[in-house]
Protein backbone atom coordinates (compact mmCIF):
# COMPACT_ATOMS: atom_id res chain seq x y z
CA MET A 1 24.41 16.01 -33.19
CA LYS A 2 21.74 13.41 -32.34
CA LYS A 3 22.92 11.22 -35.22
CA ARG A 4 26.43 11.29 -33.80
CA ASN A 5 25.07 10.27 -30.38
CA LYS A 6 23.11 7.47 -31.96
CA LYS A 7 26.20 6.43 -33.91
CA GLU A 8 28.27 6.58 -30.73
CA ASP A 9 25.64 4.53 -28.88
CA SER A 10 25.59 2.05 -31.74
CA TYR A 11 29.38 1.73 -31.62
CA LEU A 12 29.39 1.31 -27.81
CA VAL A 13 26.60 -1.29 -27.90
CA LYS A 14 28.45 -3.33 -30.57
CA ALA A 15 31.69 -3.06 -28.60
CA CYS A 16 29.90 -4.17 -25.40
CA LEU A 17 28.52 -7.19 -27.23
CA LEU A 18 32.08 -8.08 -28.25
CA GLY A 19 33.12 -7.98 -24.58
CA ASP A 20 34.84 -4.57 -24.50
CA GLU A 21 34.64 -3.56 -20.82
CA LYS A 22 35.77 0.01 -21.52
CA ALA A 23 32.86 0.44 -23.92
CA THR A 24 30.48 -0.86 -21.24
CA VAL A 25 31.87 1.64 -18.73
CA LYS A 26 31.51 4.48 -21.27
CA LEU A 27 27.93 3.48 -22.06
CA VAL A 28 27.03 3.37 -18.38
CA LYS A 29 28.71 6.71 -17.67
CA LYS A 30 26.91 8.29 -20.59
CA TRP A 31 23.41 7.10 -19.69
CA HIS A 32 23.31 6.38 -15.95
CA LEU A 33 22.48 9.93 -14.88
CA VAL A 34 19.77 10.15 -17.56
CA PHE A 35 18.23 6.92 -16.28
CA CYS A 36 18.31 8.22 -12.71
CA LYS A 37 16.58 11.45 -13.79
CA VAL A 38 13.87 9.55 -15.67
CA ALA A 39 13.18 7.31 -12.67
CA TYR A 40 13.24 10.33 -10.32
CA THR A 41 10.63 12.08 -12.47
CA TYR A 42 8.16 9.37 -11.49
CA THR A 43 9.28 8.39 -7.97
CA LYS A 44 10.42 11.74 -6.52
CA ASP A 45 12.94 9.80 -4.43
CA ARG A 46 16.63 9.97 -5.33
CA ASP A 47 17.61 6.72 -3.62
CA VAL A 48 14.78 4.80 -5.25
CA ALA A 49 15.63 6.36 -8.62
CA LYS A 50 19.25 5.20 -8.26
CA ASP A 51 18.10 1.69 -7.37
CA ILE A 52 15.79 1.60 -10.37
CA ALA A 53 18.56 2.80 -12.67
CA GLN A 54 20.86 0.11 -11.27
CA GLU A 55 18.22 -2.61 -11.80
CA SER A 56 17.63 -1.27 -15.29
CA TRP A 57 21.34 -1.54 -16.08
CA SER A 58 21.31 -5.11 -14.95
CA LYS A 59 18.50 -5.92 -17.37
CA ILE A 60 19.92 -3.76 -20.18
CA LEU A 61 23.33 -5.40 -20.06
CA THR A 62 21.90 -8.93 -19.95
CA LYS A 63 19.44 -8.24 -22.79
CA LEU A 64 21.77 -6.12 -24.89
CA ASP A 65 22.09 -8.85 -27.50
CA SER A 66 18.32 -8.69 -28.12
CA ILE A 67 18.39 -5.12 -29.43
CA LYS A 68 17.64 -5.21 -33.15
CA ASP A 69 18.98 -1.80 -34.13
CA SER A 70 21.85 -0.62 -31.95
CA GLU A 71 21.19 2.99 -33.04
CA LYS A 72 17.90 2.78 -31.15
CA PHE A 73 19.64 2.04 -27.86
CA GLU A 74 18.32 5.23 -26.23
CA SER A 75 14.61 4.53 -26.76
CA TRP A 76 15.07 0.80 -26.05
CA ALA A 77 16.95 1.44 -22.78
CA LEU A 78 14.60 4.21 -21.66
CA SER A 79 11.61 1.90 -22.17
CA ILE A 80 13.31 -0.57 -19.79
CA VAL A 81 13.90 2.18 -17.21
CA LYS A 82 10.27 3.33 -17.46
CA SER A 83 9.05 -0.25 -17.17
CA LYS A 84 11.19 -0.85 -14.06
CA THR A 85 9.91 2.43 -12.59
CA ILE A 86 6.29 1.46 -13.18
CA ASP A 87 6.95 -1.97 -11.66
CA TYR A 88 8.41 -0.27 -8.59
CA LEU A 89 5.47 2.14 -8.28
CA ARG A 90 2.94 -0.69 -8.53
CA SER A 91 4.82 -2.76 -5.98
CA ASP A 92 5.15 0.24 -3.66
CA LYS A 93 1.43 0.97 -3.99
CA ARG A 94 0.57 -2.65 -3.13
CA LYS A 95 2.89 -2.55 -0.11
CA LYS A 96 1.31 0.67 1.13
CA GLU A 97 -2.19 -0.75 0.66
CA LEU A 98 -1.24 -3.91 2.56
CA LEU A 99 0.37 -1.89 5.36
CA THR A 100 -2.70 0.33 5.60
CA LYS A 101 -4.96 -2.72 5.70
CA TYR A 102 -2.71 -4.33 8.34
CA TYR A 103 -2.77 -1.24 10.56
CA ILE A 104 -6.52 -0.83 10.22
CA GLU A 105 -7.16 -4.49 11.06
CA ASN A 106 -4.75 -4.43 13.99
CA SER A 107 -6.15 -1.20 15.39
CA ASN A 108 -9.64 -2.74 15.18
CA ILE A 109 -8.39 -5.90 16.92
CA LYS A 110 -6.71 -3.77 19.58
CA ARG A 111 -9.92 -1.82 20.18
CA GLU A 112 -11.96 -5.03 20.29
CA THR A 113 -9.47 -6.57 22.70
CA GLU A 114 -9.56 -3.49 24.90
CA ASN A 115 -13.38 -3.57 24.87
CA VAL A 116 -13.43 -7.28 25.73
CA GLY A 117 -10.86 -6.71 28.47
CA GLU A 118 -12.92 -3.86 29.90
CA ASN A 119 -16.06 -6.00 29.76
CA TYR A 120 -14.29 -8.82 31.62
CA ARG A 121 -13.06 -6.37 34.26
CA GLN A 122 -16.58 -5.04 34.77
CA ILE A 123 -18.02 -8.55 35.03
CA LEU A 124 -15.26 -9.64 37.43
CA LYS A 125 -15.73 -6.57 39.64
CA LYS A 126 -19.44 -7.23 39.82
CA GLU A 127 -18.98 -10.93 40.55
CA ILE A 128 -16.28 -10.34 43.16
CA GLU A 129 -18.70 -8.04 44.95
CA SER A 130 -21.30 -10.82 44.91
CA LEU A 131 -18.96 -13.30 46.66
CA SER A 132 -19.36 -14.05 50.35
CA GLU A 133 -17.54 -11.63 52.64
CA GLY A 134 -14.86 -14.25 53.46
CA GLN A 135 -14.17 -15.12 49.81
CA LYS A 136 -14.23 -11.46 48.76
CA ALA A 137 -11.71 -10.54 51.47
CA VAL A 138 -9.31 -13.36 50.50
CA ILE A 139 -9.52 -12.52 46.75
CA LYS A 140 -8.93 -8.81 47.31
CA LEU A 141 -6.07 -9.34 49.75
CA TYR A 142 -4.40 -11.90 47.48
CA TYR A 143 -4.84 -10.30 44.04
CA ILE A 144 -5.12 -6.62 44.78
CA GLN A 145 -3.03 -6.21 47.92
CA GLU A 146 -0.70 -9.08 46.90
CA TYR A 147 -0.51 -10.71 50.33
CA SER A 148 0.52 -14.34 50.65
CA LEU A 149 -1.96 -16.90 51.98
CA LYS A 150 0.00 -17.03 55.24
CA GLU A 151 -0.26 -13.23 55.63
CA ILE A 152 -3.98 -13.33 54.74
CA SER A 153 -4.61 -15.95 57.41
CA ALA A 154 -2.91 -13.70 59.99
CA ILE A 155 -4.82 -10.58 58.87
CA LEU A 156 -8.22 -12.30 58.85
CA LYS A 157 -7.37 -14.41 61.91
CA ILE A 158 -8.22 -17.67 60.11
CA SER A 159 -6.14 -20.76 59.41
CA VAL A 160 -4.08 -21.03 56.21
CA GLY A 161 -6.30 -24.00 55.23
CA THR A 162 -9.43 -21.86 55.53
CA ALA A 163 -7.79 -19.09 53.45
CA LYS A 164 -6.89 -21.68 50.79
CA SER A 165 -10.42 -23.10 50.81
CA ARG A 166 -12.03 -19.67 50.43
CA MET A 167 -9.57 -18.83 47.62
CA PHE A 168 -10.37 -22.10 45.83
CA HIS A 169 -14.15 -21.67 46.01
CA ALA A 170 -13.96 -18.01 44.95
CA ARG A 171 -11.76 -18.88 41.97
CA GLU A 172 -14.08 -21.72 40.92
CA ARG A 173 -17.08 -19.42 40.99
CA LEU A 174 -15.29 -16.70 39.04
CA LYS A 175 -13.98 -19.26 36.54
CA LYS A 176 -17.52 -20.50 35.83
CA ILE A 177 -18.72 -16.96 35.30
CA ILE A 178 -15.87 -16.17 32.88
CA LEU A 179 -16.32 -19.39 30.92
CA ASN A 180 -20.08 -18.90 30.67
CA SER A 181 -19.95 -15.25 29.67
CA LYS A 182 -20.06 -14.73 25.90
CA LEU A 183 -17.94 -11.70 25.15
């Protein structure tokens, strides 16, 4: 029975090489499911196995004229399927390693950024508390309570110009502290 299959494969391969589309369709119908099963054995993913079988067919049909003995189609074609499967597995492994590396690096960056941000907040809190009472009040009302300078001047019973001046000097002091701190 195997000889007949090899003979049939040989006939179909020769007919494909002569441009017989029906022979190509028969060859594909005969072997496609086998190729899918072989790829599935390694990948354990039906969709990936189908894609690999399809890619294998593309290579098989373009390289069909390079087969030396058309009776050895089965082993020749299966070696292509296995090769494509191994290529996929290697590529998939590299992608997973790169994704893992990316997530690890980004989670470290996120933690470092959070730590730096927390350090800045602590430094700013401390430095805001060290400002003069007038500057501290303007900064807190403006940034924390979100009052406008006009509203701050009314609350503190100072002119808008004085509120602006206190805001400017407080910002300059905080800016120097931030620029000089090495976090």
